Amino acid sequence: MTSIDRISGLSPLSPTGLGASNDARGAAIETMGEIGHRVLAWVDAASGGNGGGAQAWSQTAGNGSGFAPDMGELARRGDVYGLGALTSELSSRFGGSPAQEGELRRALDDFTRQAVIQIAGLSGASGDQQVGGVRAALDGASRADAPAGLDGVIARFEAATADLSAQNRS
């Protein structure tokens, strides 16, 4: 069985900002779940997808925050996934320094880029196949040995990104 075909053992998570976790593991996993919702919303909007990936992802990550793609933000070449707001919220929650906030933003950008490659590359596949690799990265990040606080959030994002990057190369 490949990671694409794998079904996650994680229970659904609450979206970031709604009952948000104050521990590094929970905060990282919740935020990855929300980023997955946002990436799937854009992939569905761009490809005219049937939402199968979004439904499969909701079984893993719970319901998202209601994020909707903003074509105006895309035209402005802005923050189409809203990563700036996610970064600021996490940094504030954990009392991060400006340097940590910058590291977190880089980690969110890198994770999102790899998730887009993974999900968009499988946009015609079944929902479970489309999100299987991201689901596997989420599982790996949930088990990663990481410190507490914002550094732990960053470390979990880096672990998930490394997992997705390896999948995307094969």
N, C-alpha and C. Protein backbone atom coordinates (compact mmCIF):
# COMPACT_ATOMS: atom_id res chain seq x y z
N MET A 1 0.84 -1.17 0.00
CA MET A 1 0.00 0.00 0.00
C MET A 1 0.89 1.24 0.00
N THR A 2 0.61 2.16 -0.87
CA THR A 2 1.39 3.40 -0.92
C THR A 2 0.76 4.44 -0.01
N SER A 3 1.51 5.51 0.25
CA SER A 3 0.95 6.57 1.09
C SER A 3 -0.27 7.21 0.43
N ILE A 4 -0.33 7.17 -0.87
CA ILE A 4 -1.49 7.74 -1.56
C ILE A 4 -2.75 6.95 -1.23
N ASP A 5 -2.62 5.65 -1.02
CA ASP A 5 -3.78 4.80 -0.76
C ASP A 5 -4.10 4.67 0.72
N ARG A 6 -3.28 5.25 1.57
CA ARG A 6 -3.41 5.10 3.00
C ARG A 6 -4.59 5.88 3.56
N ILE A 7 -5.27 5.32 4.54
CA ILE A 7 -6.34 6.03 5.23
C ILE A 7 -5.80 6.44 6.60
N SER A 8 -6.02 7.67 6.97
CA SER A 8 -5.48 8.21 8.21
C SER A 8 -6.16 7.60 9.43
N GLY A 9 -5.36 7.40 10.47
CA GLY A 9 -5.88 6.95 11.75
C GLY A 9 -6.21 8.12 12.66
N LEU A 10 -5.95 9.34 12.22
CA LEU A 10 -6.24 10.51 13.06
C LEU A 10 -7.73 10.77 13.10
N SER A 11 -8.21 11.20 14.26
CA SER A 11 -9.60 11.61 14.34
C SER A 11 -9.72 13.02 13.77
N PRO A 12 -10.92 13.42 13.35
CA PRO A 12 -11.07 14.77 12.79
C PRO A 12 -10.63 15.83 13.77
N LEU A 13 -10.10 16.92 13.24
CA LEU A 13 -9.57 18.00 14.04
C LEU A 13 -10.44 19.23 13.91
N SER A 14 -10.37 20.08 14.92
CA SER A 14 -11.12 21.34 14.82
C SER A 14 -10.31 22.32 14.00
N PRO A 15 -10.95 23.18 13.24
CA PRO A 15 -10.22 24.15 12.43
C PRO A 15 -9.52 25.18 13.30
N THR A 16 -8.44 25.75 12.78
CA THR A 16 -7.69 26.75 13.49
C THR A 16 -8.60 27.90 13.88
N GLY A 17 -8.43 28.38 15.10
CA GLY A 17 -9.20 29.51 15.58
C GLY A 17 -10.52 29.12 16.25
N LEU A 18 -11.00 27.93 16.04
CA LEU A 18 -12.23 27.48 16.67
C LEU A 18 -11.89 26.36 17.63
N GLY A 19 -11.78 26.67 18.91
CA GLY A 19 -11.35 25.68 19.88
C GLY A 19 -9.90 25.32 19.64
N ALA A 20 -9.11 26.30 19.21
CA ALA A 20 -7.73 26.05 18.80
C ALA A 20 -6.89 25.51 19.94
N SER A 21 -6.00 24.62 19.61
CA SER A 21 -5.14 23.98 20.57
C SER A 21 -4.00 24.90 21.00
N ASN A 22 -3.62 24.78 22.27
CA ASN A 22 -2.51 25.56 22.79
C ASN A 22 -1.24 24.74 22.95
N ASP A 23 -1.25 23.51 22.48
CA ASP A 23 -0.01 22.72 22.48
C ASP A 23 0.52 22.66 21.05
N ALA A 24 1.82 22.50 20.93
CA ALA A 24 2.47 22.56 19.61
C ALA A 24 1.91 21.52 18.65
N ARG A 25 1.73 20.30 19.12
CA ARG A 25 1.23 19.24 18.24
C ARG A 25 -0.16 19.58 17.72
N GLY A 26 -1.07 19.91 18.63
CA GLY A 26 -2.43 20.20 18.23
C GLY A 26 -2.52 21.42 17.31
N ALA A 27 -1.77 22.46 17.65
CA ALA A 27 -1.81 23.68 16.83
C ALA A 27 -1.28 23.41 15.42
N ALA A 28 -0.20 22.65 15.32
CA ALA A 28 0.37 22.35 14.01
C ALA A 28 -0.59 21.53 13.17
N ILE A 29 -1.17 20.50 13.77
CA ILE A 29 -2.07 19.61 13.04
C ILE A 29 -3.34 20.35 12.63
N GLU A 30 -3.89 21.17 13.52
CA GLU A 30 -5.08 21.95 13.18
C GLU A 30 -4.78 22.90 12.02
N THR A 31 -3.63 23.54 12.07
CA THR A 31 -3.28 24.50 11.02
C THR A 31 -3.03 23.79 9.70
N MET A 32 -2.37 22.63 9.73
CA MET A 32 -2.18 21.85 8.50
C MET A 32 -3.54 21.44 7.93
N GLY A 33 -4.46 21.08 8.80
CA GLY A 33 -5.80 20.72 8.34
C GLY A 33 -6.48 21.89 7.65
N GLU A 34 -6.35 23.08 8.23
CA GLU A 34 -6.96 24.27 7.62
C GLU A 34 -6.29 24.60 6.29
N ILE A 35 -4.97 24.50 6.22
CA ILE A 35 -4.27 24.75 4.96
C ILE A 35 -4.73 23.76 3.90
N GLY A 36 -4.92 22.51 4.28
CA GLY A 36 -5.44 21.51 3.34
C GLY A 36 -6.80 21.92 2.79
N HIS A 37 -7.68 22.43 3.65
CA HIS A 37 -8.99 22.92 3.17
C HIS A 37 -8.81 24.04 2.16
N ARG A 38 -7.91 24.96 2.45
CA ARG A 38 -7.71 26.11 1.58
C ARG A 38 -7.12 25.70 0.23
N VAL A 39 -6.16 24.80 0.26
CA VAL A 39 -5.57 24.31 -0.99
C VAL A 39 -6.63 23.60 -1.82
N LEU A 40 -7.41 22.74 -1.20
CA LEU A 40 -8.46 22.03 -1.92
C LEU A 40 -9.51 22.97 -2.49
N ALA A 41 -9.82 24.04 -1.78
CA ALA A 41 -10.77 25.02 -2.31
C ALA A 41 -10.24 25.65 -3.59
N TRP A 42 -8.95 25.99 -3.61
CA TRP A 42 -8.36 26.57 -4.81
C TRP A 42 -8.25 25.55 -5.94
N VAL A 43 -7.85 24.33 -5.61
CA VAL A 43 -7.73 23.30 -6.65
C VAL A 43 -9.10 23.03 -7.27
N ASP A 44 -10.13 22.93 -6.44
CA ASP A 44 -11.48 22.71 -6.98
C ASP A 44 -11.92 23.89 -7.84
N ALA A 45 -11.62 25.12 -7.40
CA ALA A 45 -12.02 26.31 -8.16
C ALA A 45 -11.29 26.37 -9.51
N ALA A 46 -10.02 25.99 -9.51
CA ALA A 46 -9.21 26.09 -10.72
C ALA A 46 -9.50 24.97 -11.71
N SER A 47 -9.83 23.79 -11.19
CA SER A 47 -9.99 22.63 -12.07
C SER A 47 -11.44 22.26 -12.33
N GLY A 48 -12.35 22.96 -11.68
CA GLY A 48 -13.75 22.58 -11.82
C GLY A 48 -13.99 21.22 -11.21
N GLY A 49 -13.23 20.91 -10.16
CA GLY A 49 -13.30 19.61 -9.51
C GLY A 49 -14.67 19.35 -8.90
N ASN A 50 -14.86 18.10 -8.54
CA ASN A 50 -16.16 17.68 -7.99
C ASN A 50 -16.21 17.76 -6.48
N GLY A 51 -15.14 18.22 -5.83
CA GLY A 51 -15.14 18.33 -4.39
C GLY A 51 -14.86 17.04 -3.66
N GLY A 52 -14.52 15.97 -4.41
CA GLY A 52 -14.25 14.68 -3.76
C GLY A 52 -13.06 14.75 -2.82
N GLY A 53 -12.04 15.50 -3.19
CA GLY A 53 -10.89 15.67 -2.32
C GLY A 53 -11.26 16.42 -1.06
N ALA A 54 -12.09 17.45 -1.20
CA ALA A 54 -12.52 18.23 -0.04
C ALA A 54 -13.33 17.37 0.92
N GLN A 55 -14.18 16.51 0.38
CA GLN A 55 -14.97 15.63 1.25
C GLN A 55 -14.07 14.63 1.97
N ALA A 56 -13.12 14.06 1.25
CA ALA A 56 -12.19 13.11 1.87
C ALA A 56 -11.34 13.80 2.92
N TRP A 57 -10.92 15.04 2.63
CA TRP A 57 -10.09 15.78 3.59
C TRP A 57 -10.89 16.12 4.84
N SER A 58 -12.16 16.45 4.71
CA SER A 58 -13.00 16.78 5.87
C SER A 58 -13.12 15.59 6.81
N GLN A 59 -13.07 14.38 6.28
CA GLN A 59 -13.11 13.20 7.13
C GLN A 59 -11.87 13.10 8.00
N THR A 60 -10.75 13.65 7.53
CA THR A 60 -9.51 13.65 8.30
C THR A 60 -9.39 14.88 9.18
N ALA A 61 -9.63 16.05 8.61
CA ALA A 61 -9.32 17.30 9.30
C ALA A 61 -10.54 18.00 9.87
N GLY A 62 -11.71 17.41 9.76
CA GLY A 62 -12.91 18.10 10.23
C GLY A 62 -13.30 19.20 9.26
N ASN A 63 -14.23 20.02 9.66
CA ASN A 63 -14.67 21.11 8.79
C ASN A 63 -13.68 22.26 8.86
N GLY A 64 -13.52 22.92 7.75
CA GLY A 64 -12.62 24.07 7.70
C GLY A 64 -13.29 25.33 8.21
N SER A 65 -12.61 26.42 8.07
CA SER A 65 -13.08 27.71 8.58
C SER A 65 -14.07 28.39 7.65
N GLY A 66 -14.38 27.77 6.53
CA GLY A 66 -15.28 28.39 5.56
C GLY A 66 -14.55 29.25 4.56
N PHE A 67 -13.25 29.05 4.45
CA PHE A 67 -12.43 29.79 3.50
C PHE A 67 -12.96 29.59 2.09
N ALA A 68 -13.00 30.68 1.32
CA ALA A 68 -13.40 30.62 -0.09
C ALA A 68 -12.35 31.34 -0.93
N PRO A 69 -11.97 30.77 -2.07
CA PRO A 69 -11.00 31.42 -2.94
C PRO A 69 -11.45 32.83 -3.34
N ASP A 70 -10.51 33.75 -3.34
CA ASP A 70 -10.77 35.14 -3.70
C ASP A 70 -9.99 35.45 -4.97
N MET A 71 -10.70 35.50 -6.09
CA MET A 71 -10.05 35.74 -7.38
C MET A 71 -9.39 37.12 -7.42
N GLY A 72 -9.93 38.08 -6.68
CA GLY A 72 -9.32 39.41 -6.61
C GLY A 72 -7.95 39.34 -5.96
N GLU A 73 -7.82 38.54 -4.92
CA GLU A 73 -6.52 38.37 -4.25
C GLU A 73 -5.54 37.68 -5.19
N LEU A 74 -6.03 36.75 -5.98
CA LEU A 74 -5.19 36.09 -6.96
C LEU A 74 -4.70 37.10 -8.01
N ALA A 75 -5.59 37.95 -8.48
CA ALA A 75 -5.22 38.96 -9.48
C ALA A 75 -4.19 39.94 -8.93
N ARG A 76 -4.27 40.24 -7.62
CA ARG A 76 -3.31 41.14 -6.98
C ARG A 76 -2.01 40.42 -6.63
N ARG A 77 -1.99 39.10 -6.86
CA ARG A 77 -0.84 38.26 -6.48
C ARG A 77 -0.56 38.35 -4.99
N GLY A 78 -1.65 38.35 -4.24
CA GLY A 78 -1.57 38.48 -2.79
C GLY A 78 -1.47 37.13 -2.10
N ASP A 79 -1.80 37.13 -0.83
CA ASP A 79 -1.74 35.95 0.03
C ASP A 79 -3.02 35.14 -0.17
N VAL A 80 -3.08 34.38 -1.26
CA VAL A 80 -4.32 33.69 -1.65
C VAL A 80 -4.77 32.63 -0.66
N TYR A 81 -3.86 32.09 0.14
CA TYR A 81 -4.22 31.06 1.11
C TYR A 81 -4.42 31.64 2.51
N GLY A 82 -4.19 32.93 2.67
CA GLY A 82 -4.35 33.55 3.99
C GLY A 82 -3.32 33.10 5.00
N LEU A 83 -2.12 32.77 4.53
CA LEU A 83 -1.08 32.26 5.43
C LEU A 83 -0.57 33.33 6.39
N GLY A 84 -0.63 34.59 5.98
CA GLY A 84 -0.19 35.67 6.87
C GLY A 84 -1.04 35.71 8.14
N ALA A 85 -2.35 35.59 7.98
CA ALA A 85 -3.24 35.61 9.14
C ALA A 85 -3.02 34.37 10.01
N LEU A 86 -2.83 33.20 9.38
CA LEU A 86 -2.56 31.99 10.17
C LEU A 86 -1.26 32.13 10.95
N THR A 87 -0.24 32.69 10.30
CA THR A 87 1.06 32.88 10.95
C THR A 87 0.92 33.83 12.14
N SER A 88 0.26 34.95 11.93
CA SER A 88 0.09 35.93 13.01
C SER A 88 -0.68 35.35 14.18
N GLU A 89 -1.73 34.59 13.87
CA GLU A 89 -2.55 34.00 14.93
C GLU A 89 -1.73 33.00 15.75
N LEU A 90 -0.98 32.14 15.08
CA LEU A 90 -0.16 31.16 15.81
C LEU A 90 0.95 31.84 16.60
N SER A 91 1.59 32.82 16.00
CA SER A 91 2.67 33.53 16.69
C SER A 91 2.15 34.22 17.94
N SER A 92 0.99 34.84 17.85
CA SER A 92 0.39 35.50 19.01
C SER A 92 0.01 34.49 20.08
N ARG A 93 -0.58 33.38 19.65
CA ARG A 93 -1.01 32.36 20.61
C ARG A 93 0.15 31.81 21.42
N PHE A 94 1.32 31.66 20.77
CA PHE A 94 2.47 31.07 21.45
C PHE A 94 3.49 32.11 21.91
N GLY A 95 3.20 33.38 21.70
CA GLY A 95 4.14 34.42 22.13
C GLY A 95 5.45 34.37 21.37
N GLY A 96 5.38 34.14 20.08
CA GLY A 96 6.58 34.00 19.26
C GLY A 96 7.31 35.32 19.04
N SER A 97 8.60 35.21 18.89
CA SER A 97 9.44 36.37 18.57
C SER A 97 9.28 36.68 17.08
N PRO A 98 9.72 37.87 16.65
CA PRO A 98 9.67 38.16 15.22
C PRO A 98 10.45 37.14 14.38
N ALA A 99 11.57 36.67 14.89
CA ALA A 99 12.35 35.66 14.16
C ALA A 99 11.57 34.35 14.04
N GLN A 100 10.91 33.94 15.12
CA GLN A 100 10.11 32.73 15.08
C GLN A 100 8.92 32.89 14.14
N GLU A 101 8.33 34.07 14.13
CA GLU A 101 7.21 34.32 13.23
C GLU A 101 7.66 34.20 11.77
N GLY A 102 8.85 34.72 11.47
CA GLY A 102 9.40 34.58 10.12
C GLY A 102 9.66 33.13 9.76
N GLU A 103 10.21 32.37 10.69
CA GLU A 103 10.45 30.94 10.45
C GLU A 103 9.14 30.20 10.24
N LEU A 104 8.15 30.55 11.03
CA LEU A 104 6.84 29.91 10.89
C LEU A 104 6.23 30.22 9.53
N ARG A 105 6.31 31.46 9.10
CA ARG A 105 5.76 31.82 7.79
C ARG A 105 6.44 31.03 6.69
N ARG A 106 7.76 30.92 6.76
CA ARG A 106 8.50 30.13 5.76
C ARG A 106 8.03 28.68 5.79
N ALA A 107 7.85 28.12 7.00
CA ALA A 107 7.42 26.73 7.13
C ALA A 107 6.02 26.53 6.55
N LEU A 108 5.10 27.48 6.80
CA LEU A 108 3.76 27.39 6.24
C LEU A 108 3.78 27.52 4.72
N ASP A 109 4.60 28.45 4.21
CA ASP A 109 4.73 28.61 2.76
C ASP A 109 5.25 27.32 2.11
N ASP A 110 6.29 26.74 2.69
CA ASP A 110 6.89 25.52 2.13
C ASP A 110 5.90 24.36 2.16
N PHE A 111 5.20 24.19 3.28
CA PHE A 111 4.21 23.11 3.39
C PHE A 111 3.10 23.31 2.36
N THR A 112 2.61 24.53 2.26
CA THR A 112 1.51 24.81 1.32
C THR A 112 1.94 24.53 -0.11
N ARG A 113 3.13 24.93 -0.47
CA ARG A 113 3.64 24.69 -1.83
C ARG A 113 3.67 23.20 -2.13
N GLN A 114 4.17 22.39 -1.22
CA GLN A 114 4.23 20.94 -1.44
C GLN A 114 2.83 20.32 -1.46
N ALA A 115 1.92 20.84 -0.61
CA ALA A 115 0.54 20.32 -0.61
C ALA A 115 -0.15 20.64 -1.93
N VAL A 116 0.09 21.83 -2.48
CA VAL A 116 -0.50 22.19 -3.78
C VAL A 116 0.01 21.25 -4.86
N ILE A 117 1.30 20.99 -4.87
CA ILE A 117 1.86 20.08 -5.87
C ILE A 117 1.21 18.71 -5.76
N GLN A 118 1.08 18.22 -4.52
CA GLN A 118 0.51 16.90 -4.28
C GLN A 118 -0.97 16.85 -4.69
N ILE A 119 -1.75 17.78 -4.19
CA ILE A 119 -3.20 17.74 -4.41
C ILE A 119 -3.57 18.09 -5.85
N ALA A 120 -2.97 19.14 -6.40
CA ALA A 120 -3.28 19.53 -7.77
C ALA A 120 -2.84 18.46 -8.77
N GLY A 121 -1.73 17.80 -8.46
CA GLY A 121 -1.24 16.74 -9.34
C GLY A 121 -2.17 15.55 -9.41
N LEU A 122 -3.02 15.41 -8.40
CA LEU A 122 -3.96 14.28 -8.35
C LEU A 122 -5.40 14.76 -8.44
N SER A 123 -5.63 15.93 -9.02
CA SER A 123 -6.96 16.52 -9.02
C SER A 123 -8.01 15.68 -9.74
N GLY A 124 -7.62 14.83 -10.65
CA GLY A 124 -8.59 13.99 -11.34
C GLY A 124 -8.82 12.66 -10.67
N ALA A 125 -8.06 12.36 -9.63
CA ALA A 125 -8.16 11.07 -8.93
C ALA A 125 -9.33 11.08 -7.95
N SER A 126 -9.58 9.93 -7.35
CA SER A 126 -10.62 9.86 -6.32
C SER A 126 -10.23 10.76 -5.16
N GLY A 127 -11.21 11.14 -4.36
CA GLY A 127 -10.95 12.02 -3.22
C GLY A 127 -9.91 11.47 -2.27
N ASP A 128 -10.01 10.18 -1.94
CA ASP A 128 -9.03 9.57 -1.03
C ASP A 128 -7.63 9.57 -1.61
N GLN A 129 -7.51 9.31 -2.91
CA GLN A 129 -6.19 9.35 -3.54
C GLN A 129 -5.65 10.77 -3.58
N GLN A 130 -6.53 11.72 -3.84
CA GLN A 130 -6.11 13.11 -3.95
C GLN A 130 -5.50 13.62 -2.65
N VAL A 131 -6.03 13.24 -1.53
CA VAL A 131 -5.54 13.76 -0.25
C VAL A 131 -4.69 12.76 0.53
N GLY A 132 -4.48 11.56 -0.03
CA GLY A 132 -3.75 10.52 0.69
C GLY A 132 -2.36 10.91 1.10
N GLY A 133 -1.61 11.56 0.23
CA GLY A 133 -0.24 11.95 0.55
C GLY A 133 -0.19 13.02 1.63
N VAL A 134 -1.10 13.98 1.57
CA VAL A 134 -1.14 15.02 2.59
C VAL A 134 -1.59 14.41 3.92
N ARG A 135 -2.51 13.47 3.84
CA ARG A 135 -2.96 12.77 5.04
C ARG A 135 -1.79 12.02 5.68
N ALA A 136 -0.98 11.37 4.87
CA ALA A 136 0.19 10.66 5.41
C ALA A 136 1.18 11.63 6.05
N ALA A 137 1.37 12.79 5.43
CA ALA A 137 2.27 13.80 6.00
C ALA A 137 1.72 14.32 7.32
N LEU A 138 0.41 14.48 7.40
CA LEU A 138 -0.24 14.92 8.63
C LEU A 138 -0.04 13.88 9.73
N ASP A 139 -0.20 12.61 9.39
CA ASP A 139 0.04 11.54 10.36
C ASP A 139 1.48 11.57 10.86
N GLY A 140 2.43 11.71 9.94
CA GLY A 140 3.84 11.76 10.32
C GLY A 140 4.15 12.95 11.22
N ALA A 141 3.58 14.09 10.89
CA ALA A 141 3.81 15.29 11.70
C ALA A 141 3.22 15.13 13.09
N SER A 142 2.11 14.43 13.20
CA SER A 142 1.48 14.24 14.51
C SER A 142 2.35 13.38 15.42
N ARG A 143 3.17 12.51 14.83
CA ARG A 143 4.04 11.63 15.62
C ARG A 143 5.47 12.15 15.74
N ALA A 144 5.77 13.25 15.08
CA ALA A 144 7.15 13.76 15.07
C ALA A 144 7.59 14.16 16.47
N ASP A 145 8.86 13.89 16.75
CA ASP A 145 9.46 14.31 18.01
C ASP A 145 9.83 15.78 17.85
N ALA A 146 9.14 16.65 18.56
CA ALA A 146 9.34 18.08 18.39
C ALA A 146 9.26 18.78 19.74
N PRO A 147 9.92 19.92 19.86
CA PRO A 147 9.86 20.67 21.13
C PRO A 147 8.48 21.28 21.35
N ALA A 148 8.31 21.88 22.51
CA ALA A 148 7.05 22.57 22.83
C ALA A 148 7.06 23.96 22.20
N GLY A 149 5.94 24.62 22.26
CA GLY A 149 5.84 26.01 21.82
C GLY A 149 5.90 26.16 20.31
N LEU A 150 6.15 27.39 19.90
CA LEU A 150 6.14 27.71 18.47
C LEU A 150 7.23 26.96 17.71
N ASP A 151 8.36 26.69 18.36
CA ASP A 151 9.41 25.90 17.70
C ASP A 151 8.92 24.50 17.37
N GLY A 152 8.05 23.95 18.22
CA GLY A 152 7.47 22.64 17.94
C GLY A 152 6.50 22.67 16.78
N VAL A 153 5.74 23.75 16.66
CA VAL A 153 4.84 23.91 15.52
C VAL A 153 5.66 23.95 14.23
N ILE A 154 6.72 24.75 14.26
CA ILE A 154 7.59 24.88 13.08
C ILE A 154 8.21 23.54 12.72
N ALA A 155 8.70 22.82 13.73
CA ALA A 155 9.34 21.51 13.48
C ALA A 155 8.35 20.53 12.85
N ARG A 156 7.12 20.54 13.29
CA ARG A 156 6.12 19.63 12.73
C ARG A 156 5.79 19.99 11.28
N PHE A 157 5.72 21.29 10.99
CA PHE A 157 5.51 21.71 9.60
C PHE A 157 6.69 21.29 8.73
N GLU A 158 7.89 21.43 9.24
CA GLU A 158 9.07 21.03 8.46
C GLU A 158 9.07 19.53 8.21
N ALA A 159 8.66 18.73 9.20
CA ALA A 159 8.58 17.27 9.02
C ALA A 159 7.55 16.91 7.96
N ALA A 160 6.39 17.55 8.01
CA ALA A 160 5.34 17.27 7.02
C ALA A 160 5.79 17.70 5.63
N THR A 161 6.47 18.83 5.54
CA THR A 161 6.96 19.31 4.25
C THR A 161 7.98 18.36 3.67
N ALA A 162 8.89 17.85 4.50
CA ALA A 162 9.89 16.90 4.02
C ALA A 162 9.22 15.64 3.50
N ASP A 163 8.19 15.18 4.18
CA ASP A 163 7.45 13.99 3.75
C ASP A 163 6.78 14.24 2.39
N LEU A 164 6.08 15.37 2.26
CA LEU A 164 5.42 15.69 0.99
C LEU A 164 6.44 15.88 -0.14
N SER A 165 7.54 16.53 0.17
CA SER A 165 8.57 16.76 -0.85
C SER A 165 9.12 15.42 -1.36
N ALA A 166 9.34 14.48 -0.45
CA ALA A 166 9.82 13.15 -0.87
C ALA A 166 8.78 12.45 -1.74
N GLN A 167 7.52 12.54 -1.36
CA GLN A 167 6.44 11.93 -2.15
C GLN A 167 6.38 12.57 -3.54
N ASN A 168 6.52 13.89 -3.59
CA ASN A 168 6.38 14.60 -4.85
C ASN A 168 7.54 14.31 -5.81
N ARG A 169 8.67 13.91 -5.28
CA ARG A 169 9.81 13.56 -6.13
C ARG A 169 9.71 12.16 -6.71
N SER A 170 8.92 11.31 -6.05
CA SER A 170 8.85 9.93 -6.54
C SER A 170 7.74 9.68 -7.50
